[in-house]
Structures are given as structure tokens and as C-alpha cells.
C-alpha atoms as a PDB file:
ATOM      1  CA  MET A   1      11.616   0.871 -25.439  1.00  0.00           C
ATOM      2  CA  SER A   2      13.901  -1.562 -23.672  1.00  0.00           C
ATOM      3  CA  ASP A   3      12.605  -4.473 -21.642  1.00  0.00           C
ATOM      4  CA  VAL A   4      10.720  -3.670 -18.453  1.00  0.00           C
ATOM      5  CA  LEU A   5      10.524  -5.973 -15.462  1.00  0.00           C
ATOM      6  CA  VAL A   6       7.476  -5.529 -13.213  1.00  0.00           C
ATOM      7  CA  VAL A   7       7.620  -7.073  -9.747  1.00  0.00           C
ATOM      8  CA  ALA A   8       4.390  -7.186  -7.729  1.00  0.00           C
ATOM      9  CA  PHE A   9       4.127  -7.671  -3.993  1.00  0.00           C
ATOM     10  CA  ASP A  10       0.802  -9.235  -3.095  1.00  0.00           C
ATOM     11  CA  GLY A  11      -0.203  -8.313  -6.612  1.00  0.00           C
ATOM     12  CA  MET A  12      -3.228  -9.045  -8.742  1.00  0.00           C
ATOM     13  CA  ASP A  13      -3.815 -12.712  -9.524  1.00  0.00           C
ATOM     14  CA  LYS A  14      -2.675 -13.685 -12.988  1.00  0.00           C
ATOM     15  CA  SER A  15      -6.105 -15.108 -13.834  1.00  0.00           C
ATOM     16  CA  LEU A  16      -7.785 -11.770 -13.080  1.00  0.00           C
ATOM     17  CA  ILE A  17      -5.550  -9.911 -15.522  1.00  0.00           C
ATOM     18  CA  GLU A  18      -6.028 -12.576 -18.186  1.00  0.00           C
ATOM     19  CA  GLU A  19      -9.794 -11.972 -18.104  1.00  0.00           C
ATOM     20  CA  TRP A  20      -9.229  -8.623 -19.835  1.00  0.00           C
ATOM     21  CA  ASN A  21      -7.471 -10.262 -22.819  1.00  0.00           C
ATOM     22  CA  LEU A  22      -4.669  -7.706 -22.841  1.00  0.00           C
ATOM     23  CA  SER A  23      -2.330  -9.087 -25.468  1.00  0.00           C
ATOM     24  CA  SER A  24       0.385  -6.523 -24.697  1.00  0.00           C
ATOM     25  CA  VAL A  25       0.580  -7.511 -21.012  1.00  0.00           C
ATOM     26  CA  LYS A  26       2.762 -10.600 -20.821  1.00  0.00           C
ATOM     27  CA  GLN A  27       2.865 -12.551 -17.575  1.00  0.00           C
ATOM     28  CA  ASN A  28       4.883 -15.420 -16.219  1.00  0.00           C
ATOM     29  CA  GLU A  29       4.719 -17.113 -12.843  1.00  0.00           C
ATOM     30  CA  PHE A  30       7.878 -18.404 -11.247  1.00  0.00           C
ATOM     31  CA  GLY A  31       6.483 -19.843  -8.053  1.00  0.00           C
ATOM     32  CA  SER A  32       6.375 -18.138  -4.681  1.00  0.00           C
ATOM     33  CA  ILE A  33       9.062 -16.467  -2.629  1.00  0.00           C
ATOM     34  CA  GLY A  34       9.551 -18.209   0.684  1.00  0.00           C
ATOM     35  CA  ASN A  35       9.794 -16.038   3.752  1.00  0.00           C
ATOM     36  CA  HIS A  36      13.023 -16.912   5.527  1.00  0.00           C
ATOM     37  CA  THR A  37      13.989 -13.348   6.376  1.00  0.00           C
ATOM     38  CA  GLY A  38      12.604 -13.211   9.900  1.00  0.00           C
ATOM     39  CA  VAL A  39      10.458 -10.134   9.295  1.00  0.00           C
ATOM     40  CA  HIS A  40       8.873  -8.552  12.340  1.00  0.00           C
ATOM     41  CA  SER A  41       5.512  -8.062  10.622  1.00  0.00           C
ATOM     42  CA  ILE A  42       4.415  -8.247   6.995  1.00  0.00           C
ATOM     43  CA  LYS A  43       3.524  -4.583   6.748  1.00  0.00           C
ATOM     44  CA  THR A  44       4.012  -2.296   3.780  1.00  0.00           C
ATOM     45  CA  SER A  45       6.789  -0.112   5.188  1.00  0.00           C
ATOM     46  CA  GLU A  46       8.811  -3.039   6.495  1.00  0.00           C
ATOM     47  CA  LEU A  47       8.257  -5.184   3.401  1.00  0.00           C
ATOM     48  CA  PHE A  48       9.261  -2.427   0.993  1.00  0.00           C
ATOM     49  CA  ALA A  49      12.238  -1.402   3.130  1.00  0.00           C
ATOM     50  CA  SER A  50      13.429  -5.020   3.099  1.00  0.00           C
ATOM     51  CA  PHE A  51      13.045  -5.225  -0.687  1.00  0.00           C
ATOM     52  CA  LEU A  52      14.770  -1.888  -1.275  1.00  0.00           C
ATOM     53  CA  THR A  53      17.726  -2.639   1.021  1.00  0.00           C
ATOM     54  CA  GLY A  54      18.020  -6.428   0.827  1.00  0.00           C
ATOM     55  CA  THR A  55      18.164  -6.516   4.622  1.00  0.00           C
ATOM     56  CA  THR A  56      15.736  -7.139   7.496  1.00  0.00           C
ATOM     57  CA  TYR A  57      14.256  -4.761  10.048  1.00  0.00           C
ATOM     58  CA  GLU A  58      17.147  -5.545  12.393  1.00  0.00           C
ATOM     59  CA  SER A  59      19.399  -3.736   9.944  1.00  0.00           C
ATOM     60  CA  HIS A  60      17.188  -1.146   8.213  1.00  0.00           C
ATOM     61  CA  SER A  61      15.201  -0.447  11.448  1.00  0.00           C
ATOM     62  CA  ILE A  62      11.708  -0.276   9.875  1.00  0.00           C
ATOM     63  CA  ARG A  63       9.281  -2.415  11.864  1.00  0.00           C
ATOM     64  CA  GLY A  64       5.916  -2.241  10.118  1.00  0.00           C
ATOM     65  CA  VAL A  65       3.409   0.602  10.402  1.00  0.00           C
ATOM     66  CA  SER A  66       0.351  -0.521  12.343  1.00  0.00           C
ATOM     67  CA  PRO A  67       0.581  -3.852  14.159  1.00  0.00           C
ATOM     68  CA  HIS A  68      -3.003  -3.650  15.458  1.00  0.00           C
ATOM     69  CA  PRO A  69      -4.550  -6.000  12.810  1.00  0.00           C
ATOM     70  CA  HIS A  70      -2.710  -8.847  14.548  1.00  0.00           C
ATOM     71  CA  THR A  71      -4.171  -7.952  17.949  1.00  0.00           C
ATOM     72  CA  VAL A  72      -7.575  -8.555  19.507  1.00  0.00           C
ATOM     73  CA  ARG A  73      -8.433  -4.943  18.696  1.00  0.00           C
ATOM     74  CA  GLY A  74      -7.695  -5.548  15.041  1.00  0.00           C
ATOM     75  CA  LYS A  75      -9.708  -8.765  14.904  1.00  0.00           C
ATOM     76  CA  ILE A  76     -12.741  -7.022  16.380  1.00  0.00           C
ATOM     77  CA  ARG A  77     -12.381  -4.280  13.795  1.00  0.00           C
ATOM     78  CA  ASP A  78     -12.382  -6.906  11.038  1.00  0.00           C
ATOM     79  CA  LYS A  79     -15.838  -7.972  12.205  1.00  0.00           C
ATOM     80  CA  LEU A  80     -17.091  -4.391  11.804  1.00  0.00           C
ATOM     81  CA  ILE A  81     -18.155  -4.144  15.434  1.00  0.00           C
ATOM     82  CA  LEU A  82     -16.165  -0.952  15.813  1.00  0.00           C
ATOM     83  CA  ASP A  83     -18.067   0.582  12.913  1.00  0.00           C
ATOM     84  CA  TYR A  84     -21.328   0.131  14.774  1.00  0.00           C
ATOM     85  CA  LEU A  85     -19.921   1.471  18.038  1.00  0.00           C
ATOM     86  CA  LYS A  86     -18.383   4.528  16.366  1.00  0.00           C
ATOM     87  CA  LYS A  87     -21.670   5.472  14.751  1.00  0.00           C
ATOM     88  CA  ASN A  88     -23.967   4.689  17.690  1.00  0.00           C
ATOM     89  CA  VAL A  89     -22.031   5.217  20.933  1.00  0.00           C
ATOM     90  CA  ARG A  90     -21.190   8.835  21.720  1.00  0.00           C
ATOM     91  CA  GLY A  91     -17.485   9.391  22.289  1.00  0.00           C
ATOM     92  CA  PHE A  92     -16.429   5.880  21.271  1.00  0.00           C
ATOM     93  CA  PHE A  93     -14.422   7.049  18.272  1.00  0.00           C
ATOM     94  CA  ARG A  94     -12.359   9.398  20.455  1.00  0.00           C
ATOM     95  CA  LEU A  95     -11.717   6.553  22.919  1.00  0.00           C
ATOM     96  CA  ASP A  96     -10.661   4.140  20.175  1.00  0.00           C
ATOM     97  CA  THR A  97      -8.435   6.749  18.551  1.00  0.00           C
ATOM     98  CA  ALA A  98      -6.897   7.743  21.889  1.00  0.00           C
ATOM     99  CA  LEU A  99      -6.064   4.120  22.662  1.00  0.00           C
ATOM    100  CA  GLY A 100      -4.460   3.776  19.240  1.00  0.00           C
ATOM    101  CA  VAL A 101      -2.313   6.849  19.807  1.00  0.00           C
ATOM    102  CA  LEU A 102      -1.324   5.837  23.341  1.00  0.00           C
ATOM    103  CA  LEU A 103      -0.364   2.342  22.214  1.00  0.00           C
ATOM    104  CA  GLY A 104       1.468   3.665  19.153  1.00  0.00           C
ATOM    105  CA  LEU A 105      -0.817   1.784  16.769  1.00  0.00           C
ATOM    106  CA  ASP A 106      -2.142   4.583  14.596  1.00  0.00           C
ATOM    107  CA  THR A 107       0.718   7.065  14.494  1.00  0.00           C
ATOM    108  CA  MET A 108       3.706   4.979  13.422  1.00  0.00           C
ATOM    109  CA  HIS A 109       4.862   6.603  10.203  1.00  0.00           C
ATOM    110  CA  TYR A 110       8.364   6.306   8.844  1.00  0.00           C
ATOM    111  CA  SER A 111      10.241   8.501   6.402  1.00  0.00           C
ATOM    112  CA  ALA A 112      13.255   7.913   4.182  1.00  0.00           C
ATOM    113  CA  ASP A 113      15.471   9.319   6.945  1.00  0.00           C
ATOM    114  CA  ASP A 114      14.483   6.404   9.186  1.00  0.00           C
ATOM    115  CA  ILE A 115      15.996   3.787   6.853  1.00  0.00           C
ATOM    116  CA  GLU A 116      19.468   3.023   8.132  1.00  0.00           C
ATOM    117  CA  ASP A 117      20.617   1.028   5.089  1.00  0.00           C
ATOM    118  CA  GLU A 118      21.252   2.118   1.515  1.00  0.00           C
ATOM    119  CA  THR A 119      18.274   1.513  -0.799  1.00  0.00           C
ATOM    120  CA  LEU A 120      18.009   0.711  -4.494  1.00  0.00           C
ATOM    121  CA  VAL A 121      16.907   4.304  -5.063  1.00  0.00           C
ATOM    122  CA  ASP A 122      20.175   5.438  -3.483  1.00  0.00           C
ATOM    123  CA  LYS A 123      22.228   3.028  -5.584  1.00  0.00           C
ATOM    124  CA  ILE A 124      20.519   3.631  -8.948  1.00  0.00           C
ATOM    125  CA  SER A 125      20.888   7.240  -9.998  1.00  0.00           C
ATOM    126  CA  ASN A 126      18.088   7.216 -12.599  1.00  0.00           C
ATOM    127  CA  SER A 127      15.363   5.961 -10.293  1.00  0.00           C
ATOM    128  CA  ARG A 128      12.157   7.097  -8.681  1.00  0.00           C
ATOM    129  CA  ALA A 129       9.862   5.897  -5.880  1.00  0.00           C
ATOM    130  CA  VAL A 130       6.268   7.147  -5.767  1.00  0.00           C
ATOM    131  CA  TYR A 131       4.027   6.504  -2.751  1.00  0.00           C
ATOM    132  CA  VAL A 132       6.460   3.813  -1.623  1.00  0.00           C
ATOM    133  CA  PRO A 133       6.521   3.740   2.180  1.00  0.00           C
ATOM    134  CA  PRO A 134       8.706   4.751   3.825  1.00  0.00           C
ATOM    135  CA  LEU A 135      10.585   6.523   1.008  1.00  0.00           C
ATOM    136  CA  ASP A 136       7.632   8.574  -0.254  1.00  0.00           C
ATOM    137  CA  ASN A 137       4.480   8.415   1.850  1.00  0.00           C
ATOM    138  CA  SER A 138       1.006   9.289   0.617  1.00  0.00           C
ATOM    139  CA  LEU A 139      -0.328  12.643   1.797  1.00  0.00           C
ATOM    140  CA  PHE A 140      -3.701  10.899   2.077  1.00  0.00           C
ATOM    141  CA  GLN A 141      -2.313   8.804   4.907  1.00  0.00           C
ATOM    142  CA  LEU A 142      -0.035  11.406   6.497  1.00  0.00           C
ATOM    143  CA  SER A 143      -2.812  14.015   6.612  1.00  0.00           C
ATOM    144  CA  GLY A 144      -5.067  11.667   8.569  1.00  0.00           C
ATOM    145  CA  ALA A 145      -7.795  11.682   5.903  1.00  0.00           C
ATOM    146  CA  GLN A 146      -8.825   8.154   6.816  1.00  0.00           C
ATOM    147  CA  ALA A 147      -9.229   9.045  10.486  1.00  0.00           C
ATOM    148  CA  GLU A 148     -11.227  12.137   9.521  1.00  0.00           C
ATOM    149  CA  ALA A 149     -13.667   9.972   7.563  1.00  0.00           C
ATOM    150  CA  TYR A 150     -14.173   7.754  10.608  1.00  0.00           C
ATOM    151  CA  ARG A 151     -14.636  10.848  12.747  1.00  0.00           C
ATOM    152  CA  LYS A 152     -17.536  11.886  10.520  1.00  0.00           C
ATOM    153  CA  GLY A 153     -19.252   8.549  11.010  1.00  0.00           C
ATOM    154  CA  CYS A 154     -18.128   6.721   7.867  1.00  0.00           C
ATOM    155  CA  SER A 155     -17.867   2.951   8.133  1.00  0.00           C
ATOM    156  CA  THR A 156     -14.730   0.972   7.371  1.00  0.00           C
ATOM    157  CA  ARG A 157     -16.344  -0.169   4.122  1.00  0.00           C
ATOM    158  CA  GLN A 158     -17.057   3.430   3.076  1.00  0.00           C
ATOM    159  CA  VAL A 159     -13.517   4.491   3.886  1.00  0.00           C
ATOM    160  CA  LYS A 160     -12.128   1.625   1.834  1.00  0.00           C
ATOM    161  CA  ARG A 161     -14.375   2.528  -1.119  1.00  0.00           C
ATOM    162  CA  PHE A 162     -13.135   6.123  -0.945  1.00  0.00           C
ATOM    163  CA  TRP A 163      -9.544   4.886  -0.874  1.00  0.00           C
ATOM    164  CA  LYS A 164     -10.118   2.542  -3.803  1.00  0.00           C
ATOM    165  CA  THR A 165     -11.741   5.200  -5.977  1.00  0.00           C
ATOM    166  CA  ARG A 166     -10.169   8.553  -5.179  1.00  0.00           C
ATOM    167  CA  GLU A 167      -6.702   7.481  -4.085  1.00  0.00           C
ATOM    168  CA  PHE A 168      -6.244   4.643  -6.581  1.00  0.00           C
ATOM    169  CA  GLU A 169      -7.248   6.852  -9.514  1.00  0.00           C
ATOM    170  CA  HIS A 170      -4.894   9.590  -8.308  1.00  0.00           C
ATOM    171  CA  ARG A 171      -1.993   7.141  -8.117  1.00  0.00           C
ATOM    172  CA  LYS A 172      -2.795   5.586 -11.475  1.00  0.00           C
ATOM    173  CA  ARG A 173      -2.693   8.990 -13.182  1.00  0.00           C
ATOM    174  CA  LYS A 174       0.573   9.831 -11.465  1.00  0.00           C
ATOM    175  CA  LEU A 175       2.024   6.476 -12.531  1.00  0.00           C
ATOM    176  CA  MET A 176       1.201   6.947 -16.213  1.00  0.00           C
ATOM    177  CA  ARG A 177       2.411  10.557 -16.341  1.00  0.00           C
ATOM    178  CA  PRO A 178       6.173   9.876 -16.142  1.00  0.00           C
ATOM    179  CA  MET A 179       6.140   6.832 -18.387  1.00  0.00           C
ATOM    180  CA  THR A 180       7.185   9.044 -21.289  1.00  0.00           C
ATOM    181  CA  GLY A 181      10.536   9.385 -19.537  1.00  0.00           C
ATOM    182  CA  VAL A 182      13.155   6.728 -19.043  1.00  0.00           C
ATOM    183  CA  PHE A 183      13.954   5.208 -15.667  1.00  0.00           C
ATOM    184  CA  ASP A 184      16.317   2.408 -14.798  1.00  0.00           C
ATOM    185  CA  PHE A 185      14.280   1.743 -11.680  1.00  0.00           C
ATOM    186  CA  TYR A 186      10.729   2.940 -10.998  1.00  0.00           C
ATOM    187  CA  MET A 187       8.619   1.762  -8.081  1.00  0.00           C
ATOM    188  CA  MET A 188       5.052   2.695  -7.153  1.00  0.00           C
ATOM    189  CA  HIS A 189       2.697   1.489  -4.453  1.00  0.00           C
ATOM    190  CA  ILE A 190      -0.912   1.091  -5.682  1.00  0.00           C
ATOM    191  CA  HIS A 191      -3.756  -0.297  -3.560  1.00  0.00           C
ATOM    192  CA  PHE A 192      -6.623  -2.628  -4.424  1.00  0.00           C
ATOM    193  CA  ALA A 193      -6.275  -2.620  -8.203  1.00  0.00           C
ATOM    194  CA  ASP A 194      -8.121  -5.893  -8.816  1.00  0.00           C
ATOM    195  CA  ALA A 195     -10.870  -5.168  -6.285  1.00  0.00           C
ATOM    196  CA  LEU A 196     -11.487  -1.756  -7.845  1.00  0.00           C
ATOM    197  CA  HIS A 197     -12.029  -3.258 -11.273  1.00  0.00           C
ATOM    198  CA  TYR A 198     -14.760  -5.503  -9.936  1.00  0.00           C
ATOM    199  CA  MET A 199     -16.361  -3.055  -7.489  1.00  0.00           C
ATOM    200  CA  GLU A 200     -16.489  -0.001  -9.703  1.00  0.00           C
ATOM    201  CA  GLY A 201     -16.518  -1.549 -13.165  1.00  0.00           C
ATOM    202  CA  ALA A 202     -13.274   0.192 -14.103  1.00  0.00           C
ATOM    203  CA  ARG A 203     -11.485  -1.408 -17.041  1.00  0.00           C
ATOM    204  CA  ILE A 204      -8.143  -1.023 -18.710  1.00  0.00           C
ATOM    205  CA  ASP A 205      -9.553  -0.612 -22.207  1.00  0.00           C
ATOM    206  CA  ARG A 206      -6.343   0.234 -23.970  1.00  0.00           C
ATOM    207  CA  VAL A 207      -2.786  -0.684 -23.114  1.00  0.00           C
ATOM    208  CA  PRO A 208      -0.025   0.600 -25.426  1.00  0.00           C
ATOM    209  CA  SER A 209       1.485  -2.190 -27.490  1.00  0.00           C
ATOM    210  CA  GLN A 210       4.960  -0.894 -26.604  1.00  0.00           C
END
């Protein structure tokens, strides 16, 4: 196998990986990447679109997905107050969801057709993007599964645990499946890998030496 370069955005801390003593996983740190690109918001779709095109949202037209975490509404949600209200106040979930839809906070999904610049996947013929917004979105998100869990009274913490177990495991299996093939460029978006290892006790027991 030829050399493989893995680039992580907001990836797992080097020290956390080293705890598993995986001799076949070599890591190097080269400092941090300064943000001088003038991004509109550091959101997955915009960040990945900028990486894939080498341009900013002003050129590729992707401006984040859900800006509400930077608003008062998002800050309240971080304190779990909304979880209590959704479970104990009749009709509150519908009100919160309706506000999100009206303000365009919960329905902003982009597709590959929305990217106005050429991406690395376009330029490299032998390439693949899996669950990489906005090129290949997760059906879990597009189907509204997270909203459905809230609608049934699940808390934010429960929804996150479901995401970290079900969705992470699904993506991990899909990632390993095509590794028998050869790609010049392969990109996948995986959530909460380090947190899952500590929350659920999942371990990478064996990593191929190649």
C-alpha cells in the first residue's frame, strides 16, 4: 500500500489516540492552521466546502448549516433548559420547531449542486466522499431522525448518545468496507469518535499493520 495522508478537522487529540498504544498509527503535529479565510460560520458544510474548493463561502456559496448555536436560542439549548420545557410543557416542542423552520435555522441543508466551485472530488477522478456535507449528506440528518427523537420526548443528551452509538458505528463500518480498494482521495465525516470511546467503552483493538 502506498502512503496515506489523513487530515482531521477538529479531530481527536493526539494524546487520546496514544493511550491505545497503536503502533501502526503514526501521528505528527505540525501546529495549528490559522483562520484568515473570513468564513461566515465554522459549520461543517461551510468548512468542508472551503477545504474541498480552496475558496470561501463568497465563492462556493455554502454558508454553514444551522447558525442557531451562536444565538441566544442556541445558548439556552446548551444549558438544557429546552430539554426540560420540551418534556414538561405541552406544545413547546412544536413551538420551538416552528420557530426554527420560520427562521431557517433547522432546515438549511445543502447538496453538491449548491457548490458553485469545483471540488477536489471533481478534480480527482479516483475519489470518493462519504457523509461529507454538502457533497454526500447523511440520511440520518436529512430524514429528520434527530427531530423525531426530540418529538418523542428524548433529551439532547439521549439524542447525542443515539448519534454516537448508532450513527458512528454505521459510518465506521462503511469507512472500513471500501478500504480494500484504492483511492487517490477518500474523505469521510465521522462524529464524536473520541467521546464514544470513553462513553461506551469502545476500543480499536486491532489496526492492520499495513
